[in-house]
Amino acid sequence: MCIRARFFLGVAGVVGFLQGEPARVKCLAASGLKDVSAADLYPVTRFLPMAAEATRLLRPQLGDWEQALRYIGTQATVDFLASMFGRDLMNAAAGNPWRMLQHMAEGYRAAVSYGERSVLWTGDHSARFVMRRDFMPAPYHEGVLQAALEAVGAQDVQVHGRQLSLLDTEYDVSW
């Protein structure tokens, strides 16, 4: 189970920006890696301790654990949308939040090699985004989903995650 290097670099970058270079190095060290090559995939087992360390470092500045995770998820989305895969996703969405969610369910496969995602439409401007077998806590993906919808111009985005089981979460999304 792997994750793109872009997510490692994004987390380290956020921590470095907000807390300085020593914190960035400490965050990256939590992954067990000294350097990350942007083109590679890395085991999710290296990303999880890094995200936990980033959350610990950012929590005092951002308010709490959930806010720190949302911020990291938001940055992950910004970084992903700047990648080749992200640009393809933005083109496919064509400024439409409905299309963005639909393509995100499929697009996660370009970013990670585990889990399943699906969208259940609950209205013209609302959906339930379901993630199965995903390791990141709900607030992280709340940040991801909100940032992705805002990237295509959605206004007043609301995302609320609800844990179904240890690795399964559903997110009520509206705009």
Protein backbone atom coordinates (compact mmCIF):
# COMPACT_ATOMS: atom_id res chain seq x y z
CA MET A 1 0.00 0.00 0.00
CA CYS A 2 1.69 3.11 -1.29
CA ILE A 3 1.20 6.86 -1.46
CA ARG A 4 2.75 9.41 -3.81
CA ALA A 5 5.83 11.32 -2.66
CA ARG A 6 4.01 14.59 -3.30
CA PHE A 7 2.04 14.03 -0.07
CA PHE A 8 5.23 13.54 1.96
CA LEU A 9 6.71 16.69 0.47
CA GLY A 10 3.51 18.64 1.12
CA VAL A 11 3.37 17.69 4.79
CA ALA A 12 7.07 18.47 5.28
CA GLY A 13 6.59 21.76 3.40
CA VAL A 14 3.64 22.86 5.56
CA VAL A 15 5.51 22.06 8.75
CA GLY A 16 8.62 23.85 7.48
CA PHE A 17 6.62 26.91 6.46
CA LEU A 18 4.72 27.18 9.74
CA GLN A 19 7.32 25.90 12.21
CA GLY A 20 10.71 26.30 10.51
CA GLU A 21 13.39 24.07 9.05
CA PRO A 22 14.22 22.08 12.22
CA ALA A 23 10.55 21.06 12.52
CA ARG A 24 10.45 20.09 8.82
CA VAL A 25 13.49 17.85 9.29
CA LYS A 26 11.95 16.30 12.42
CA CYS A 27 8.70 15.68 10.57
CA LEU A 28 10.44 13.99 7.64
CA ALA A 29 12.58 11.93 10.04
CA ALA A 30 9.39 10.51 11.57
CA SER A 31 8.80 8.78 8.24
CA GLY A 32 12.16 7.04 8.47
CA LEU A 33 13.25 8.81 5.29
CA LYS A 34 16.05 11.34 4.94
CA ASP A 35 15.02 12.45 1.48
CA VAL A 36 11.97 11.97 -0.73
CA SER A 37 12.07 11.78 -4.52
CA ALA A 38 9.03 13.54 -5.98
CA ALA A 39 8.50 10.89 -8.66
CA ASP A 40 8.38 7.89 -6.30
CA LEU A 41 5.75 6.03 -4.35
CA TYR A 42 6.37 5.24 -0.68
CA PRO A 43 4.66 2.88 1.77
CA VAL A 44 1.74 4.40 3.64
CA THR A 45 3.33 2.95 6.79
CA ARG A 46 5.99 5.67 6.43
CA PHE A 47 3.43 8.42 5.83
CA LEU A 48 1.30 7.72 8.91
CA PRO A 49 3.99 8.45 11.53
CA MET A 50 5.03 11.51 9.54
CA ALA A 51 1.45 12.84 9.51
CA ALA A 52 1.16 12.12 13.24
CA GLU A 53 4.36 14.06 13.94
CA ALA A 54 3.21 16.93 11.73
CA THR A 55 -0.09 17.05 13.59
CA ARG A 56 1.73 17.07 16.93
CA LEU A 57 3.98 19.92 15.76
CA LEU A 58 1.17 21.99 14.24
CA ARG A 59 -1.52 21.41 16.88
CA PRO A 60 -0.42 24.26 19.21
CA GLN A 61 -0.36 26.76 16.34
CA LEU A 62 -3.56 25.64 14.61
CA GLY A 63 -5.71 25.03 17.67
CA ASP A 64 -6.22 21.30 17.97
CA TRP A 65 -5.55 17.89 16.44
CA GLU A 66 -8.52 18.07 14.05
CA GLN A 67 -7.61 21.53 12.72
CA ALA A 68 -4.02 20.41 12.15
CA LEU A 69 -5.21 17.36 10.20
CA ARG A 70 -7.64 19.45 8.12
CA TYR A 71 -4.82 21.85 7.30
CA ILE A 72 -2.55 18.98 6.22
CA GLY A 73 -5.40 17.54 4.10
CA THR A 74 -5.98 20.92 2.49
CA GLN A 75 -2.28 21.23 1.63
CA ALA A 76 -2.29 17.68 0.25
CA THR A 77 -5.05 18.71 -2.13
CA VAL A 78 -3.30 21.89 -3.22
CA ASP A 79 -0.15 19.86 -3.91
CA PHE A 80 -2.03 17.09 -5.72
CA LEU A 81 -3.97 19.54 -7.92
CA ALA A 82 -0.63 21.08 -8.99
CA SER A 83 0.59 17.67 -10.21
CA MET A 84 0.03 16.14 -13.65
CA PHE A 85 -2.70 13.90 -12.21
CA GLY A 86 -4.29 16.85 -10.43
CA ARG A 87 -4.34 18.97 -13.56
CA ASP A 88 -6.11 16.09 -15.34
CA LEU A 89 -8.63 15.98 -12.50
CA MET A 90 -9.22 19.74 -12.72
CA ASN A 91 -9.72 19.49 -16.49
CA ALA A 92 -12.16 16.58 -16.08
CA ALA A 93 -14.11 18.51 -13.42
CA ALA A 94 -14.29 21.57 -15.70
CA GLY A 95 -15.21 23.89 -12.81
CA ASN A 96 -18.14 21.72 -11.74
CA PRO A 97 -18.26 20.53 -8.08
CA TRP A 98 -20.50 17.59 -9.01
CA ARG A 99 -17.94 16.37 -11.56
CA MET A 100 -15.07 17.01 -9.15
CA LEU A 101 -16.54 14.66 -6.54
CA GLN A 102 -17.35 12.03 -9.14
CA HIS A 103 -13.83 12.14 -10.59
CA MET A 104 -12.23 12.26 -7.14
CA ALA A 105 -13.76 8.89 -6.32
CA GLU A 106 -11.88 7.50 -9.32
CA GLY A 107 -8.88 9.83 -9.04
CA TYR A 108 -7.81 8.60 -5.62
CA ARG A 109 -6.36 5.60 -7.44
CA ALA A 110 -3.76 7.91 -9.00
CA ALA A 111 -2.68 9.11 -5.56
CA VAL A 112 -2.79 5.98 -3.40
CA SER A 113 -2.76 2.24 -4.04
CA TYR A 114 -5.31 1.24 -1.38
CA GLY A 115 -8.95 1.65 -0.48
CA GLU A 116 -12.16 2.33 -2.37
CA ARG A 117 -14.10 5.56 -2.80
CA SER A 118 -17.62 6.15 -4.01
CA VAL A 119 -20.14 8.98 -4.23
CA LEU A 120 -23.81 8.76 -3.34
CA TRP A 121 -25.74 11.83 -4.47
CA THR A 122 -28.17 13.21 -1.88
CA GLY A 123 -29.21 16.39 -3.72
CA ASP A 124 -28.20 18.90 -6.40
CA HIS A 125 -25.52 20.35 -4.13
CA SER A 126 -24.93 17.52 -1.69
CA ALA A 127 -23.43 14.05 -1.62
CA ARG A 128 -22.13 11.36 0.66
CA PHE A 129 -18.51 10.53 -0.18
CA VAL A 130 -17.65 7.06 1.16
CA MET A 131 -14.10 5.86 1.80
CA ARG A 132 -13.38 2.23 2.55
CA ARG A 133 -10.05 0.88 3.82
CA ASP A 134 -8.42 4.28 4.27
CA PHE A 135 -5.91 4.90 7.04
CA MET A 136 -6.12 8.67 7.52
CA PRO A 137 -8.44 10.13 10.17
CA ALA A 138 -11.64 11.84 9.03
CA PRO A 139 -10.46 15.46 9.57
CA TYR A 140 -7.64 14.93 7.04
CA HIS A 141 -10.11 13.98 4.30
CA GLU A 142 -12.50 16.76 5.36
CA GLY A 143 -9.68 19.14 4.41
CA VAL A 144 -9.05 17.24 1.16
CA LEU A 145 -12.69 17.29 0.05
CA GLN A 146 -13.28 20.92 1.01
CA ALA A 147 -10.15 22.13 -0.80
CA ALA A 148 -11.01 20.13 -3.94
CA LEU A 149 -14.51 21.58 -4.13
CA GLU A 150 -13.29 25.10 -3.46
CA ALA A 151 -10.69 24.65 -6.22
CA VAL A 152 -13.53 24.35 -8.75
CA GLY A 153 -15.38 27.35 -7.36
CA ALA A 154 -17.86 25.77 -4.92
CA GLN A 155 -19.05 28.23 -2.27
CA ASP A 156 -19.97 27.61 1.37
CA VAL A 157 -18.53 24.09 1.29
CA GLN A 158 -19.42 21.96 4.31
CA VAL A 159 -17.78 18.56 4.93
CA HIS A 160 -18.53 16.38 7.95
CA GLY A 161 -16.97 12.95 8.37
CA ARG A 162 -18.54 10.06 10.26
CA GLN A 163 -16.51 6.99 11.14
CA LEU A 164 -18.29 3.76 10.12
CA SER A 165 -15.55 1.40 11.28
CA LEU A 166 -11.82 1.56 11.92
CA LEU A 167 -10.94 2.11 8.24
CA ASP A 168 -14.29 3.17 6.75
CA THR A 169 -15.67 6.71 6.85
CA GLU A 170 -18.45 8.56 5.08
CA TYR A 171 -18.45 12.30 4.52
CA ASP A 172 -21.55 14.44 4.12
CA VAL A 173 -20.59 17.12 1.60
CA SER A 174 -22.61 20.15 0.57
CA TRP A 175 -22.04 23.46 -1.20
